Amino acid sequence: MTHKNSIAIVSLLILPLTLTSCAKKQDTGALVGTVVGIAVGSLFGSGSGKIVSMIVGSSIGALVGNQIGGSLDEADRIQKENATQAALDAPTGNIISWTSEIKKDVSGASEAVEEPVSMNGSVCRAVQETIIISGDEEKATSKYCWNGQAWNQT
């Protein structure tokens, strides 16, 4: 089975989630987590092992995304995105912190954890994003590439 077929099969499995018009924050978080999990899972294994990796990745991503989505409102997400954008433009190791204006037990930080590198004609770098909700800390590292106008998550 090819890589494209694997992605198509897993995408069909999550398609029903995308068809709900009244998505809650948790649903949106789970969906985003699922897609990220599939992408990460597709990097491991081959043949049917790749499909298993993608399914496991989507499950883990959905669980983490569901928890984060249920706790961050739109204002929190904007603060998180602003911190990430600032970290991408800052020297490696600078930590850009934020605290929710509404929920005092929600905060986070973003930190560029590697120097920019050239990948496929773009400048890319990794950012570690931390979210703290009621003392529980979740960390994720994402890769972003500059398209000439803005940083985009890959």
N, C-alpha and C. Protein backbone atom coordinates (compact mmCIF):
# COMPACT_ATOMS: atom_id res chain seq x y z
N MET A 1 0.85 -1.18 0.00
CA MET A 1 0.00 0.00 0.00
C MET A 1 0.89 1.23 0.00
N THR A 2 0.58 2.18 -0.83
CA THR A 2 1.41 3.37 -0.95
C THR A 2 1.11 4.35 0.18
N HIS A 3 2.04 5.30 0.35
CA HIS A 3 1.89 6.34 1.37
C HIS A 3 0.62 7.15 1.12
N LYS A 4 0.33 7.48 -0.14
CA LYS A 4 -0.88 8.25 -0.47
C LYS A 4 -2.13 7.46 -0.13
N ASN A 5 -2.13 6.15 -0.40
CA ASN A 5 -3.28 5.32 -0.06
C ASN A 5 -3.49 5.26 1.44
N SER A 6 -2.41 5.19 2.20
CA SER A 6 -2.50 5.14 3.65
C SER A 6 -3.14 6.40 4.19
N ILE A 7 -2.68 7.54 3.69
CA ILE A 7 -3.24 8.81 4.14
C ILE A 7 -4.72 8.90 3.75
N ALA A 8 -5.05 8.44 2.56
CA ALA A 8 -6.44 8.50 2.10
C ALA A 8 -7.34 7.65 2.99
N ILE A 9 -6.90 6.46 3.36
CA ILE A 9 -7.71 5.58 4.21
C ILE A 9 -7.93 6.21 5.58
N VAL A 10 -6.86 6.70 6.19
CA VAL A 10 -7.00 7.30 7.52
C VAL A 10 -7.83 8.57 7.44
N SER A 11 -7.68 9.34 6.38
CA SER A 11 -8.49 10.56 6.20
C SER A 11 -9.97 10.22 6.12
N LEU A 12 -10.30 9.13 5.45
CA LEU A 12 -11.70 8.71 5.37
C LEU A 12 -12.23 8.30 6.74
N LEU A 13 -11.36 7.77 7.57
CA LEU A 13 -11.79 7.38 8.92
C LEU A 13 -12.15 8.59 9.77
N ILE A 14 -11.49 9.74 9.53
CA ILE A 14 -11.78 10.92 10.33
C ILE A 14 -12.74 11.89 9.64
N LEU A 15 -13.12 11.60 8.42
CA LEU A 15 -14.01 12.49 7.69
C LEU A 15 -15.30 12.81 8.45
N PRO A 16 -15.95 11.86 9.10
CA PRO A 16 -17.18 12.20 9.83
C PRO A 16 -16.97 13.30 10.87
N LEU A 17 -15.80 13.35 11.47
CA LEU A 17 -15.53 14.41 12.45
C LEU A 17 -15.54 15.79 11.81
N THR A 18 -15.15 15.88 10.56
CA THR A 18 -15.06 17.18 9.91
C THR A 18 -16.41 17.67 9.39
N LEU A 19 -17.40 16.81 9.37
CA LEU A 19 -18.68 17.18 8.80
C LEU A 19 -19.65 17.79 9.80
N THR A 20 -19.29 17.86 11.07
CA THR A 20 -20.17 18.47 12.05
C THR A 20 -20.03 19.97 12.00
N SER A 21 -21.15 20.66 11.84
CA SER A 21 -21.10 22.11 11.69
C SER A 21 -21.06 22.82 13.03
N CYS A 22 -21.39 22.15 14.10
CA CYS A 22 -21.42 22.79 15.42
C CYS A 22 -20.27 22.27 16.26
N ALA A 23 -19.08 22.35 15.75
CA ALA A 23 -17.91 21.81 16.46
C ALA A 23 -17.63 22.62 17.71
N LYS A 24 -17.45 21.91 18.82
CA LYS A 24 -17.06 22.55 20.07
C LYS A 24 -15.54 22.68 20.09
N LYS A 25 -15.04 23.42 21.08
CA LYS A 25 -13.59 23.59 21.19
C LYS A 25 -12.89 22.24 21.32
N GLN A 26 -13.48 21.34 22.12
CA GLN A 26 -12.86 20.03 22.29
C GLN A 26 -12.87 19.25 20.98
N ASP A 27 -13.95 19.35 20.23
CA ASP A 27 -14.02 18.65 18.95
C ASP A 27 -12.96 19.18 17.99
N THR A 28 -12.83 20.51 17.96
CA THR A 28 -11.83 21.12 17.09
C THR A 28 -10.44 20.69 17.52
N GLY A 29 -10.19 20.71 18.83
CA GLY A 29 -8.88 20.26 19.34
C GLY A 29 -8.60 18.82 18.98
N ALA A 30 -9.62 17.98 19.12
CA ALA A 30 -9.45 16.56 18.78
C ALA A 30 -9.17 16.39 17.29
N LEU A 31 -9.87 17.15 16.46
CA LEU A 31 -9.67 17.05 15.02
C LEU A 31 -8.27 17.49 14.63
N VAL A 32 -7.84 18.63 15.16
CA VAL A 32 -6.49 19.12 14.86
C VAL A 32 -5.46 18.11 15.37
N GLY A 33 -5.66 17.60 16.58
CA GLY A 33 -4.75 16.60 17.13
C GLY A 33 -4.70 15.34 16.29
N THR A 34 -5.85 14.94 15.77
CA THR A 34 -5.91 13.75 14.92
C THR A 34 -5.08 13.95 13.65
N VAL A 35 -5.27 15.10 13.01
CA VAL A 35 -4.55 15.38 11.76
C VAL A 35 -3.05 15.43 12.02
N VAL A 36 -2.64 16.12 13.10
CA VAL A 36 -1.21 16.18 13.44
C VAL A 36 -0.69 14.78 13.76
N GLY A 37 -1.47 14.00 14.50
CA GLY A 37 -1.07 12.64 14.84
C GLY A 37 -0.90 11.76 13.61
N ILE A 38 -1.78 11.91 12.63
CA ILE A 38 -1.65 11.15 11.38
C ILE A 38 -0.37 11.55 10.66
N ALA A 39 -0.12 12.86 10.61
CA ALA A 39 1.09 13.34 9.92
C ALA A 39 2.35 12.78 10.60
N VAL A 40 2.38 12.83 11.92
CA VAL A 40 3.56 12.32 12.64
C VAL A 40 3.65 10.80 12.47
N GLY A 41 2.52 10.11 12.61
CA GLY A 41 2.51 8.66 12.45
C GLY A 41 2.96 8.21 11.08
N SER A 42 2.69 9.02 10.05
CA SER A 42 3.07 8.64 8.69
C SER A 42 4.58 8.63 8.48
N LEU A 43 5.31 9.21 9.43
CA LEU A 43 6.77 9.24 9.33
C LEU A 43 7.41 7.92 9.77
N PHE A 44 6.62 7.02 10.37
CA PHE A 44 7.17 5.79 10.92
C PHE A 44 6.59 4.58 10.22
N GLY A 45 7.37 3.53 10.18
CA GLY A 45 6.92 2.26 9.62
C GLY A 45 6.87 2.27 8.10
N SER A 46 6.47 1.11 7.57
CA SER A 46 6.28 0.98 6.12
C SER A 46 5.18 -0.03 5.90
N GLY A 47 4.53 0.06 4.74
CA GLY A 47 3.44 -0.86 4.43
C GLY A 47 2.33 -0.77 5.46
N SER A 48 1.86 -1.93 5.94
CA SER A 48 0.78 -1.93 6.93
C SER A 48 1.25 -1.36 8.26
N GLY A 49 2.55 -1.41 8.53
CA GLY A 49 3.09 -0.80 9.75
C GLY A 49 2.90 0.71 9.77
N LYS A 50 2.97 1.31 8.59
CA LYS A 50 2.75 2.76 8.48
C LYS A 50 1.30 3.09 8.84
N ILE A 51 0.37 2.26 8.38
CA ILE A 51 -1.04 2.51 8.69
C ILE A 51 -1.27 2.41 10.20
N VAL A 52 -0.68 1.40 10.82
CA VAL A 52 -0.81 1.26 12.28
C VAL A 52 -0.22 2.48 12.98
N SER A 53 0.95 2.94 12.53
CA SER A 53 1.56 4.13 13.12
C SER A 53 0.67 5.35 12.98
N MET A 54 0.04 5.48 11.83
CA MET A 54 -0.85 6.62 11.60
C MET A 54 -2.09 6.55 12.49
N ILE A 55 -2.63 5.35 12.67
CA ILE A 55 -3.82 5.19 13.51
C ILE A 55 -3.46 5.47 14.97
N VAL A 56 -2.33 4.95 15.43
CA VAL A 56 -1.89 5.21 16.80
C VAL A 56 -1.63 6.71 16.98
N GLY A 57 -0.96 7.32 16.01
CA GLY A 57 -0.69 8.76 16.08
C GLY A 57 -1.96 9.58 16.12
N SER A 58 -2.95 9.18 15.31
CA SER A 58 -4.21 9.92 15.29
C SER A 58 -4.94 9.79 16.62
N SER A 59 -4.88 8.62 17.25
CA SER A 59 -5.54 8.42 18.54
C SER A 59 -4.91 9.27 19.63
N ILE A 60 -3.58 9.24 19.68
CA ILE A 60 -2.88 10.04 20.69
C ILE A 60 -3.12 11.53 20.44
N GLY A 61 -3.02 11.94 19.19
CA GLY A 61 -3.27 13.34 18.85
C GLY A 61 -4.67 13.79 19.21
N ALA A 62 -5.65 12.93 18.97
CA ALA A 62 -7.04 13.26 19.28
C ALA A 62 -7.23 13.45 20.79
N LEU A 63 -6.63 12.58 21.58
CA LEU A 63 -6.77 12.70 23.04
C LEU A 63 -6.13 13.98 23.56
N VAL A 64 -4.91 14.26 23.12
CA VAL A 64 -4.22 15.47 23.57
C VAL A 64 -4.94 16.71 23.05
N GLY A 65 -5.32 16.71 21.79
CA GLY A 65 -6.03 17.84 21.21
C GLY A 65 -7.36 18.11 21.87
N ASN A 66 -8.06 17.04 22.24
CA ASN A 66 -9.35 17.17 22.92
C ASN A 66 -9.18 17.88 24.26
N GLN A 67 -8.16 17.50 25.02
CA GLN A 67 -7.92 18.14 26.32
C GLN A 67 -7.54 19.60 26.15
N ILE A 68 -6.64 19.88 25.24
CA ILE A 68 -6.20 21.26 25.04
C ILE A 68 -7.35 22.09 24.49
N GLY A 69 -8.07 21.58 23.51
CA GLY A 69 -9.18 22.32 22.91
C GLY A 69 -10.27 22.63 23.91
N GLY A 70 -10.47 21.76 24.87
CA GLY A 70 -11.50 21.98 25.88
C GLY A 70 -11.13 23.05 26.88
N SER A 71 -9.87 23.38 26.96
CA SER A 71 -9.43 24.32 27.97
C SER A 71 -9.02 25.68 27.42
N LEU A 72 -8.72 25.77 26.13
CA LEU A 72 -8.30 27.04 25.56
C LEU A 72 -9.46 27.68 24.80
N ASP A 73 -9.76 28.91 25.13
CA ASP A 73 -10.76 29.61 24.34
C ASP A 73 -10.05 30.38 23.23
N GLU A 74 -10.80 31.09 22.42
CA GLU A 74 -10.23 31.77 21.26
C GLU A 74 -9.15 32.78 21.67
N ALA A 75 -9.39 33.53 22.73
CA ALA A 75 -8.40 34.52 23.18
C ALA A 75 -7.10 33.83 23.59
N ASP A 76 -7.22 32.68 24.26
CA ASP A 76 -6.03 31.93 24.67
C ASP A 76 -5.27 31.43 23.44
N ARG A 77 -5.99 30.93 22.45
CA ARG A 77 -5.35 30.43 21.23
C ARG A 77 -4.61 31.56 20.50
N ILE A 78 -5.21 32.75 20.50
CA ILE A 78 -4.55 33.89 19.85
C ILE A 78 -3.27 34.23 20.59
N GLN A 79 -3.32 34.23 21.94
CA GLN A 79 -2.11 34.51 22.71
C GLN A 79 -1.03 33.46 22.44
N LYS A 80 -1.44 32.19 22.37
CA LYS A 80 -0.50 31.10 22.08
C LYS A 80 0.12 31.30 20.70
N GLU A 81 -0.70 31.60 19.70
CA GLU A 81 -0.19 31.81 18.35
C GLU A 81 0.75 33.02 18.28
N ASN A 82 0.40 34.09 18.99
CA ASN A 82 1.27 35.28 19.01
C ASN A 82 2.62 34.96 19.66
N ALA A 83 2.59 34.17 20.74
CA ALA A 83 3.84 33.78 21.41
C ALA A 83 4.69 32.92 20.48
N THR A 84 4.06 32.02 19.75
CA THR A 84 4.79 31.17 18.82
C THR A 84 5.41 32.00 17.70
N GLN A 85 4.64 32.93 17.14
CA GLN A 85 5.18 33.79 16.08
C GLN A 85 6.36 34.61 16.61
N ALA A 86 6.24 35.14 17.83
CA ALA A 86 7.34 35.92 18.42
C ALA A 86 8.57 35.03 18.64
N ALA A 87 8.36 33.78 19.07
CA ALA A 87 9.47 32.86 19.29
C ALA A 87 10.17 32.54 17.98
N LEU A 88 9.41 32.40 16.90
CA LEU A 88 10.00 32.11 15.60
C LEU A 88 10.92 33.23 15.13
N ASP A 89 10.60 34.46 15.51
CA ASP A 89 11.40 35.61 15.11
C ASP A 89 12.49 35.96 16.12
N ALA A 90 12.50 35.29 17.27
CA ALA A 90 13.46 35.57 18.33
C ALA A 90 14.67 34.64 18.23
N PRO A 91 15.77 35.02 18.89
CA PRO A 91 16.93 34.11 18.93
C PRO A 91 16.56 32.78 19.60
N THR A 92 17.22 31.73 19.18
CA THR A 92 16.98 30.41 19.76
C THR A 92 17.17 30.47 21.27
N GLY A 93 16.23 29.86 21.99
CA GLY A 93 16.31 29.81 23.45
C GLY A 93 15.51 30.88 24.16
N ASN A 94 15.10 31.93 23.46
CA ASN A 94 14.25 32.95 24.11
C ASN A 94 12.87 32.35 24.36
N ILE A 95 12.38 32.51 25.57
CA ILE A 95 11.07 31.97 25.93
C ILE A 95 10.06 33.12 25.94
N ILE A 96 9.00 32.95 25.16
CA ILE A 96 7.93 33.94 25.07
C ILE A 96 6.74 33.36 25.83
N SER A 97 6.40 33.97 26.98
CA SER A 97 5.34 33.46 27.85
C SER A 97 4.04 34.23 27.66
N TRP A 98 2.93 33.59 28.01
CA TRP A 98 1.63 34.24 28.00
C TRP A 98 0.77 33.66 29.12
N THR A 99 -0.21 34.44 29.58
CA THR A 99 -1.16 34.01 30.60
C THR A 99 -2.55 34.41 30.14
N SER A 100 -3.51 33.50 30.30
CA SER A 100 -4.88 33.78 29.92
C SER A 100 -5.39 35.00 30.68
N GLU A 101 -6.09 35.87 29.98
CA GLU A 101 -6.67 37.04 30.61
C GLU A 101 -7.95 36.69 31.38
N ILE A 102 -8.56 35.55 31.03
CA ILE A 102 -9.82 35.16 31.65
C ILE A 102 -9.61 34.06 32.70
N LYS A 103 -8.86 33.03 32.32
CA LYS A 103 -8.64 31.88 33.21
C LYS A 103 -7.22 31.97 33.77
N LYS A 104 -7.10 32.31 35.03
CA LYS A 104 -5.79 32.51 35.63
C LYS A 104 -4.99 31.21 35.79
N ASP A 105 -5.64 30.05 35.62
CA ASP A 105 -4.92 28.78 35.72
C ASP A 105 -4.48 28.26 34.36
N VAL A 106 -4.58 29.12 33.33
CA VAL A 106 -4.16 28.73 31.98
C VAL A 106 -3.05 29.67 31.52
N SER A 107 -1.93 29.08 31.12
CA SER A 107 -0.80 29.87 30.63
C SER A 107 0.01 29.01 29.68
N GLY A 108 1.05 29.60 29.14
CA GLY A 108 1.89 28.84 28.23
C GLY A 108 3.13 29.61 27.83
N ALA A 109 3.92 28.98 27.00
CA ALA A 109 5.16 29.59 26.51
C ALA A 109 5.55 28.94 25.20
N SER A 110 6.29 29.69 24.41
CA SER A 110 6.84 29.17 23.15
C SER A 110 8.31 29.51 23.10
N GLU A 111 9.10 28.56 22.58
CA GLU A 111 10.55 28.74 22.51
C GLU A 111 11.08 28.08 21.24
N ALA A 112 11.81 28.85 20.43
CA ALA A 112 12.49 28.26 19.28
C ALA A 112 13.62 27.41 19.83
N VAL A 113 13.61 26.13 19.49
CA VAL A 113 14.57 25.20 20.09
C VAL A 113 15.69 24.79 19.14
N GLU A 114 15.70 25.37 17.95
CA GLU A 114 16.82 25.11 17.04
C GLU A 114 17.03 26.34 16.16
N GLU A 115 18.24 26.47 15.68
CA GLU A 115 18.55 27.56 14.76
C GLU A 115 17.81 27.32 13.45
N PRO A 116 17.46 28.38 12.73
CA PRO A 116 16.82 28.19 11.43
C PRO A 116 17.71 27.36 10.50
N VAL A 117 17.08 26.45 9.75
CA VAL A 117 17.80 25.62 8.79
C VAL A 117 17.08 25.70 7.44
N SER A 118 17.82 25.49 6.38
CA SER A 118 17.25 25.51 5.04
C SER A 118 16.72 24.11 4.72
N MET A 119 15.43 24.05 4.35
CA MET A 119 14.79 22.78 3.99
C MET A 119 13.94 23.00 2.75
N ASN A 120 14.21 22.28 1.70
CA ASN A 120 13.41 22.34 0.48
C ASN A 120 13.20 23.78 -0.01
N GLY A 121 14.22 24.59 0.08
CA GLY A 121 14.15 25.95 -0.41
C GLY A 121 13.53 26.94 0.55
N SER A 122 13.13 26.50 1.74
CA SER A 122 12.55 27.38 2.76
C SER A 122 13.42 27.38 4.00
N VAL A 123 13.28 28.42 4.78
CA VAL A 123 13.94 28.47 6.09
C VAL A 123 12.96 27.91 7.10
N CYS A 124 13.39 26.91 7.88
CA CYS A 124 12.52 26.24 8.84
C CYS A 124 13.17 26.21 10.22
N ARG A 125 12.33 26.12 11.24
CA ARG A 125 12.84 25.93 12.60
C ARG A 125 11.77 25.31 13.48
N ALA A 126 12.22 24.70 14.55
CA ALA A 126 11.31 24.03 15.47
C ALA A 126 11.01 24.93 16.66
N VAL A 127 9.76 24.88 17.11
CA VAL A 127 9.33 25.64 18.28
C VAL A 127 8.69 24.67 19.26
N GLN A 128 9.11 24.76 20.52
CA GLN A 128 8.47 23.97 21.57
C GLN A 128 7.39 24.85 22.21
N GLU A 129 6.16 24.36 22.16
CA GLU A 129 5.04 25.08 22.74
C GLU A 129 4.61 24.36 24.01
N THR A 130 4.48 25.12 25.09
CA THR A 130 4.07 24.58 26.37
C THR A 130 2.75 25.21 26.76
N ILE A 131 1.81 24.39 27.20
CA ILE A 131 0.54 24.88 27.71
C ILE A 131 0.36 24.30 29.11
N ILE A 132 0.02 25.18 30.05
CA ILE A 132 -0.19 24.76 31.44
C ILE A 132 -1.64 25.07 31.80
N ILE A 133 -2.37 24.02 32.20
CA ILE A 133 -3.77 24.16 32.57
C ILE A 133 -3.94 23.54 33.94
N SER A 134 -4.29 24.37 34.91
CA SER A 134 -4.48 23.92 36.30
C SER A 134 -3.27 23.13 36.79
N GLY A 135 -2.08 23.58 36.44
CA GLY A 135 -0.85 22.93 36.90
C GLY A 135 -0.39 21.78 36.03
N ASP A 136 -1.23 21.28 35.14
CA ASP A 136 -0.84 20.19 34.24
C ASP A 136 -0.16 20.78 33.01
N GLU A 137 1.04 20.31 32.72
CA GLU A 137 1.84 20.86 31.63
C GLU A 137 1.89 19.90 30.45
N GLU A 138 1.60 20.43 29.27
CA GLU A 138 1.70 19.68 28.02
C GLU A 138 2.70 20.38 27.13
N LYS A 139 3.60 19.63 26.52
CA LYS A 139 4.59 20.20 25.61
C LYS A 139 4.50 19.51 24.26
N ALA A 140 4.68 20.31 23.23
CA ALA A 140 4.71 19.77 21.87
C ALA A 140 5.71 20.59 21.07
N THR A 141 6.46 19.91 20.23
CA THR A 141 7.40 20.60 19.35
C THR A 141 6.89 20.51 17.93
N SER A 142 6.81 21.66 17.27
CA SER A 142 6.31 21.74 15.90
C SER A 142 7.34 22.39 15.01
N LYS A 143 7.33 22.02 13.73
CA LYS A 143 8.23 22.61 12.74
C LYS A 143 7.46 23.66 11.95
N TYR A 144 8.09 24.82 11.77
CA TYR A 144 7.51 25.92 11.00
C TYR A 144 8.49 26.31 9.90
N CYS A 145 7.96 26.67 8.73
CA CYS A 145 8.80 27.12 7.62
C CYS A 145 8.30 28.47 7.12
N TRP A 146 9.25 29.31 6.72
CA TRP A 146 8.96 30.64 6.20
C TRP A 146 8.64 30.54 4.72
N ASN A 147 7.47 31.06 4.29
CA ASN A 147 7.08 30.97 2.88
C ASN A 147 7.37 32.27 2.12
N GLY A 148 8.09 33.19 2.75
CA GLY A 148 8.38 34.48 2.11
C GLY A 148 7.51 35.59 2.66
N GLN A 149 6.41 35.22 3.31
CA GLN A 149 5.51 36.21 3.90
C GLN A 149 5.15 35.90 5.35
N ALA A 150 5.12 34.63 5.71
CA ALA A 150 4.71 34.23 7.07
C ALA A 150 5.28 32.87 7.40
N TRP A 151 5.32 32.55 8.70
CA TRP A 151 5.71 31.22 9.18
C TRP A 151 4.48 30.32 9.10
N ASN A 152 4.65 29.14 8.53
CA ASN A 152 3.56 28.16 8.45
C ASN A 152 4.00 26.86 9.08
N GLN A 153 3.09 26.27 9.87
CA GLN A 153 3.40 24.99 10.49
C GLN A 153 3.41 23.92 9.42
N THR A 154 4.42 23.05 9.47
CA THR A 154 4.51 21.96 8.49
C THR A 154 4.08 20.65 9.09
